[in-house]
Amino acid sequence: MTQFAFPPHPQPSVAIAGSTDRFPVRRIFCVGRNYAAHAREMGKDPDREPPFFFAKPADAVVDSGARVPYPPQTHDLHHEIELVLAIGTGGADIAPDAVAGHLWGATVGNDLTRRDLQNAAKQLGQPWDMAKGFDNSAIIAPLVPISRVSSLAQGRIWLAVNGALRQEADLSDLIWPVGQLVAILSGLIRLERGDLVMTGTPAGVGPVVPGDLITGGIDGLAAISTLIAPPRSAAD
């Protein structure tokens, strides 16, 4: 039996809708600029760029309904509502028409982003890791098993802050739809069960501050809610 120098950290996981079981998270992959309007608001041409990916640590996951402390080292924290896929069967070089058979479920998530850190990193040609992969940066609603998901090709996706609508689009607006996106990712790395794939955010991303209530969802799939709390003190 393997002996560790200290007890391992708890297994990161997300809730499952209608169950007391939880889905163990192995890795979190994200795709950038997968809605044309959002690509344009970020100053990019969506017709010329293939999808690109980045990652968040598995223990960045936070359940819907949680209070998320405003993170340190930023003055420009942004919300990004996204369709999230959960991989149930691993594979590499998966064909687009075979992707559905590899999915365990789907839900909605919020890819929190320290936008000022991201912009500074871009200007310096540096990685975005600390802009995207910080503590509590992946808020994930309860997963819906794929057998109960009616469609991943269409459905309203939206986000509001304190009741004011900020983001709204349809899953049919995805530049790289689910099958193509997962197929491309599986050609870069072997996907394994427990992996989450965040599929990109629509236009309308913007700042949040302590006290803001973020709500959102994908019609017919899941809803999400998060309160942005004051920053943690050094003693916390």
Protein backbone atom coordinates (compact mmCIF):
# COMPACT_ATOMS: atom_id res chain seq x y z
CA MET A 1 0.00 0.00 0.00
CA THR A 2 1.30 3.47 -0.93
CA GLN A 3 2.43 5.57 2.01
CA PHE A 4 2.17 9.34 1.71
CA ALA A 5 4.24 11.94 3.55
CA PHE A 6 0.98 13.55 4.65
CA PRO A 7 -2.72 12.78 4.04
CA PRO A 8 -3.76 13.57 0.44
CA HIS A 9 -6.10 16.46 -0.15
CA PRO A 10 -9.80 15.57 -0.63
CA GLN A 11 -10.90 14.52 -4.10
CA PRO A 12 -12.40 17.53 -5.95
CA SER A 13 -15.95 16.85 -7.07
CA VAL A 14 -19.16 18.45 -8.29
CA ALA A 15 -22.77 17.74 -7.41
CA ILE A 16 -25.07 15.55 -9.49
CA ALA A 17 -28.65 16.70 -10.02
CA GLY A 18 -31.16 14.53 -8.20
CA SER A 19 -28.52 12.44 -6.41
CA THR A 20 -26.45 12.44 -3.25
CA ASP A 21 -23.54 11.04 -5.27
CA ARG A 22 -20.87 13.38 -6.56
CA PHE A 23 -18.84 13.40 -9.78
CA PRO A 24 -15.07 13.17 -9.12
CA VAL A 25 -13.17 15.80 -11.08
CA ARG A 26 -9.84 14.83 -12.66
CA ARG A 27 -9.01 17.88 -14.79
CA ILE A 28 -10.74 21.02 -16.09
CA PHE A 29 -10.17 22.10 -19.69
CA CYS A 30 -11.49 25.38 -21.08
CA VAL A 31 -11.74 26.76 -24.60
CA GLY A 32 -11.29 30.43 -25.41
CA ARG A 33 -13.41 32.61 -27.69
CA ASN A 34 -15.92 30.00 -28.87
CA TYR A 35 -18.74 32.49 -29.51
CA ALA A 36 -18.21 34.94 -32.39
CA ALA A 37 -19.61 37.98 -30.56
CA HIS A 38 -17.36 37.35 -27.54
CA ALA A 39 -14.32 36.88 -29.79
CA ARG A 40 -15.07 40.26 -31.35
CA GLU A 41 -15.53 41.98 -27.98
CA MET A 42 -12.08 40.64 -27.05
CA GLY A 43 -10.64 42.14 -30.25
CA LYS A 44 -10.25 38.90 -32.22
CA ASP A 45 -11.55 37.60 -35.56
CA PRO A 46 -13.62 34.43 -34.95
CA ASP A 47 -13.43 33.41 -38.60
CA ARG A 48 -9.66 32.98 -38.61
CA GLU A 49 -8.77 31.24 -35.36
CA PRO A 50 -8.91 27.52 -34.54
CA PRO A 51 -9.99 26.68 -30.98
CA PHE A 52 -7.36 27.04 -28.26
CA PHE A 53 -7.43 25.53 -24.79
CA PHE A 54 -6.26 26.31 -21.28
CA ALA A 55 -6.74 24.56 -17.95
CA LYS A 56 -7.90 25.19 -14.41
CA PRO A 57 -6.84 23.03 -11.45
CA ALA A 58 -9.42 20.44 -10.42
CA ASP A 59 -9.71 21.92 -6.93
CA ALA A 60 -10.85 25.26 -8.38
CA VAL A 61 -14.38 23.79 -8.53
CA VAL A 62 -17.09 25.40 -6.41
CA ASP A 63 -20.72 24.33 -6.10
CA SER A 64 -23.56 26.54 -7.19
CA GLY A 65 -24.98 28.39 -4.19
CA ALA A 66 -21.61 28.96 -2.56
CA ARG A 67 -20.21 32.29 -1.37
CA VAL A 68 -17.02 32.97 -3.32
CA PRO A 69 -14.53 35.40 -1.75
CA TYR A 70 -13.31 38.14 -4.07
CA PRO A 71 -9.85 36.88 -5.10
CA PRO A 72 -6.59 38.65 -4.26
CA GLN A 73 -4.34 40.57 -6.66
CA THR A 74 -7.17 41.80 -8.91
CA HIS A 75 -9.41 44.82 -9.29
CA ASP A 76 -11.28 43.49 -12.33
CA LEU A 77 -12.95 40.12 -11.67
CA HIS A 78 -15.18 39.03 -14.58
CA HIS A 79 -17.99 36.49 -14.96
CA GLU A 80 -18.14 34.07 -17.93
CA ILE A 81 -21.17 31.76 -18.23
CA GLU A 82 -20.47 28.47 -20.08
CA LEU A 83 -21.83 25.06 -21.06
CA VAL A 84 -19.82 22.43 -19.17
CA LEU A 85 -19.34 18.84 -20.37
CA ALA A 86 -18.39 15.91 -18.12
CA ILE A 87 -16.39 13.06 -19.65
CA GLY A 88 -17.52 9.58 -18.62
CA THR A 89 -15.49 7.41 -21.01
CA GLY A 90 -11.90 8.25 -21.86
CA GLY A 91 -10.40 8.32 -25.31
CA ALA A 92 -7.96 9.93 -27.73
CA ASP A 93 -8.59 11.07 -31.30
CA ILE A 94 -12.34 10.75 -30.79
CA ALA A 95 -14.39 11.25 -33.96
CA PRO A 96 -16.93 14.10 -33.73
CA ASP A 97 -19.87 11.75 -34.26
CA ALA A 98 -18.60 9.49 -31.43
CA VAL A 99 -18.25 12.26 -28.81
CA ALA A 100 -21.77 11.80 -27.41
CA GLY A 101 -20.84 8.27 -26.32
CA HIS A 102 -17.99 9.63 -24.20
CA LEU A 103 -20.09 12.16 -22.25
CA TRP A 104 -21.30 11.43 -18.72
CA GLY A 105 -23.34 14.58 -18.39
CA ALA A 106 -23.54 18.33 -18.83
CA THR A 107 -24.33 21.47 -16.86
CA VAL A 108 -23.65 25.19 -16.69
CA GLY A 109 -20.59 26.85 -15.15
CA ASN A 110 -19.03 30.24 -14.48
CA ASP A 111 -15.39 30.67 -15.53
CA LEU A 112 -14.31 33.49 -13.20
CA THR A 113 -11.43 35.51 -14.66
CA ARG A 114 -9.03 38.06 -13.21
CA ARG A 115 -9.24 40.19 -16.36
CA ASP A 116 -6.60 42.72 -15.36
CA LEU A 117 -4.08 39.92 -14.77
CA GLN A 118 -5.06 38.30 -18.07
CA ASN A 119 -4.63 41.53 -20.03
CA ALA A 120 -1.26 42.22 -18.41
CA ALA A 121 -0.10 38.69 -19.26
CA LYS A 122 -1.21 39.10 -22.88
CA GLN A 123 0.70 42.34 -23.25
CA LEU A 124 3.86 40.67 -21.95
CA GLY A 125 3.38 37.48 -23.96
CA GLN A 126 3.11 35.47 -20.73
CA PRO A 127 0.79 32.57 -19.74
CA TRP A 128 -2.65 33.26 -18.29
CA ASP A 129 -2.46 30.72 -15.47
CA MET A 130 -2.96 33.11 -12.57
CA ALA A 131 -5.75 34.93 -14.41
CA LYS A 132 -7.78 31.75 -14.91
CA GLY A 133 -6.60 29.03 -12.53
CA PHE A 134 -6.98 30.65 -9.13
CA ASP A 135 -8.89 29.37 -6.08
CA ASN A 136 -12.69 29.08 -6.50
CA SER A 137 -12.52 30.09 -10.17
CA ALA A 138 -14.69 27.28 -11.61
CA ILE A 139 -18.25 27.48 -10.32
CA ILE A 140 -20.15 24.40 -11.53
CA ALA A 141 -23.88 23.68 -11.18
CA PRO A 142 -25.08 20.11 -10.51
CA LEU A 143 -24.37 17.81 -13.44
CA VAL A 144 -27.30 16.43 -15.41
CA PRO A 145 -26.70 12.84 -16.64
CA ILE A 146 -26.46 12.76 -20.41
CA SER A 147 -29.51 10.50 -20.69
CA ARG A 148 -31.60 13.38 -19.30
CA VAL A 149 -30.10 16.08 -21.54
CA SER A 150 -32.44 16.87 -24.43
CA SER A 151 -29.98 18.88 -26.53
CA LEU A 152 -26.43 20.22 -26.49
CA ALA A 153 -26.89 21.85 -29.90
CA GLN A 154 -29.36 24.54 -28.90
CA GLY A 155 -30.77 26.24 -25.83
CA ARG A 156 -30.66 29.72 -24.32
CA ILE A 157 -27.57 30.43 -22.19
CA TRP A 158 -27.68 33.51 -19.97
CA LEU A 159 -26.19 35.29 -16.96
CA ALA A 160 -27.45 38.14 -14.77
CA VAL A 161 -25.82 40.19 -12.01
CA ASN A 162 -28.19 41.40 -9.30
CA GLY A 163 -31.07 40.63 -11.65
CA ALA A 164 -29.71 42.64 -14.59
CA LEU A 165 -29.10 40.54 -17.71
CA ARG A 166 -25.45 40.66 -18.82
CA GLN A 167 -24.95 37.67 -21.13
CA GLU A 168 -27.44 35.96 -23.44
CA ALA A 169 -26.97 33.68 -26.44
CA ASP A 170 -27.91 30.23 -27.72
CA LEU A 171 -25.80 27.07 -27.78
CA SER A 172 -26.37 27.03 -31.53
CA ASP A 173 -24.07 30.10 -31.63
CA LEU A 174 -21.01 28.04 -30.65
CA ILE A 175 -18.29 28.41 -33.29
CA TRP A 176 -17.05 24.90 -32.49
CA PRO A 177 -20.04 22.79 -31.39
CA VAL A 178 -19.71 20.05 -28.80
CA GLY A 179 -18.77 17.19 -31.13
CA GLN A 180 -16.09 19.10 -33.01
CA LEU A 181 -14.71 20.77 -29.89
CA VAL A 182 -14.23 17.58 -27.86
CA ALA A 183 -12.84 15.78 -30.91
CA ILE A 184 -10.17 18.48 -31.38
CA LEU A 185 -9.28 18.46 -27.67
CA SER A 186 -8.97 14.66 -27.69
CA GLY A 187 -6.44 14.97 -30.49
CA LEU A 188 -4.21 17.06 -28.22
CA ILE A 189 -4.48 14.98 -25.05
CA ARG A 190 -6.18 11.74 -24.06
CA LEU A 191 -9.41 12.57 -22.26
CA GLU A 192 -10.27 10.52 -19.19
CA ARG A 193 -13.42 10.02 -17.15
CA GLY A 194 -13.70 12.76 -14.59
CA ASP A 195 -12.50 15.48 -16.96
CA LEU A 196 -14.63 18.61 -17.35
CA VAL A 197 -14.70 20.70 -20.52
CA MET A 198 -15.87 24.31 -20.30
CA THR A 199 -16.94 25.25 -23.81
CA GLY A 200 -16.57 29.04 -23.96
CA THR A 201 -18.63 32.09 -23.06
CA PRO A 202 -20.96 34.39 -25.02
CA ALA A 203 -20.51 38.16 -25.33
CA GLY A 204 -21.30 40.43 -22.41
CA VAL A 205 -18.58 39.45 -19.94
CA GLY A 206 -18.06 42.08 -17.27
CA PRO A 207 -16.92 42.91 -13.74
CA VAL A 208 -18.40 41.83 -10.43
CA VAL A 209 -17.69 43.14 -6.94
CA PRO A 210 -18.31 41.91 -3.38
CA GLY A 211 -22.02 41.76 -2.67
CA ASP A 212 -23.01 40.91 -6.24
CA LEU A 213 -25.34 37.96 -6.81
CA ILE A 214 -24.57 36.15 -10.07
CA THR A 215 -27.33 33.96 -11.52
CA GLY A 216 -27.51 32.16 -14.82
CA GLY A 217 -28.32 28.99 -16.62
CA ILE A 218 -28.99 27.05 -19.77
CA ASP A 219 -32.68 26.57 -20.47
CA GLY A 220 -33.70 22.94 -20.11
CA LEU A 221 -30.40 21.98 -18.51
CA ALA A 222 -29.30 23.70 -15.28
CA ALA A 223 -29.21 26.92 -13.29
CA ILE A 224 -26.42 28.48 -11.24
CA SER A 225 -26.16 31.06 -8.47
CA THR A 226 -23.14 32.58 -6.71
CA LEU A 227 -22.67 35.38 -4.21
CA ILE A 228 -19.38 37.27 -4.43
CA ALA A 229 -18.21 37.72 -0.84
CA PRO A 230 -15.62 40.14 0.58
CA PRO A 231 -11.95 39.14 0.19
CA ARG A 232 -10.58 36.72 2.74
CA SER A 233 -8.38 38.24 5.41
CA ALA A 234 -4.80 37.08 5.88
CA ALA A 235 -5.93 35.17 8.96
CA ASP A 236 -8.49 33.06 7.05
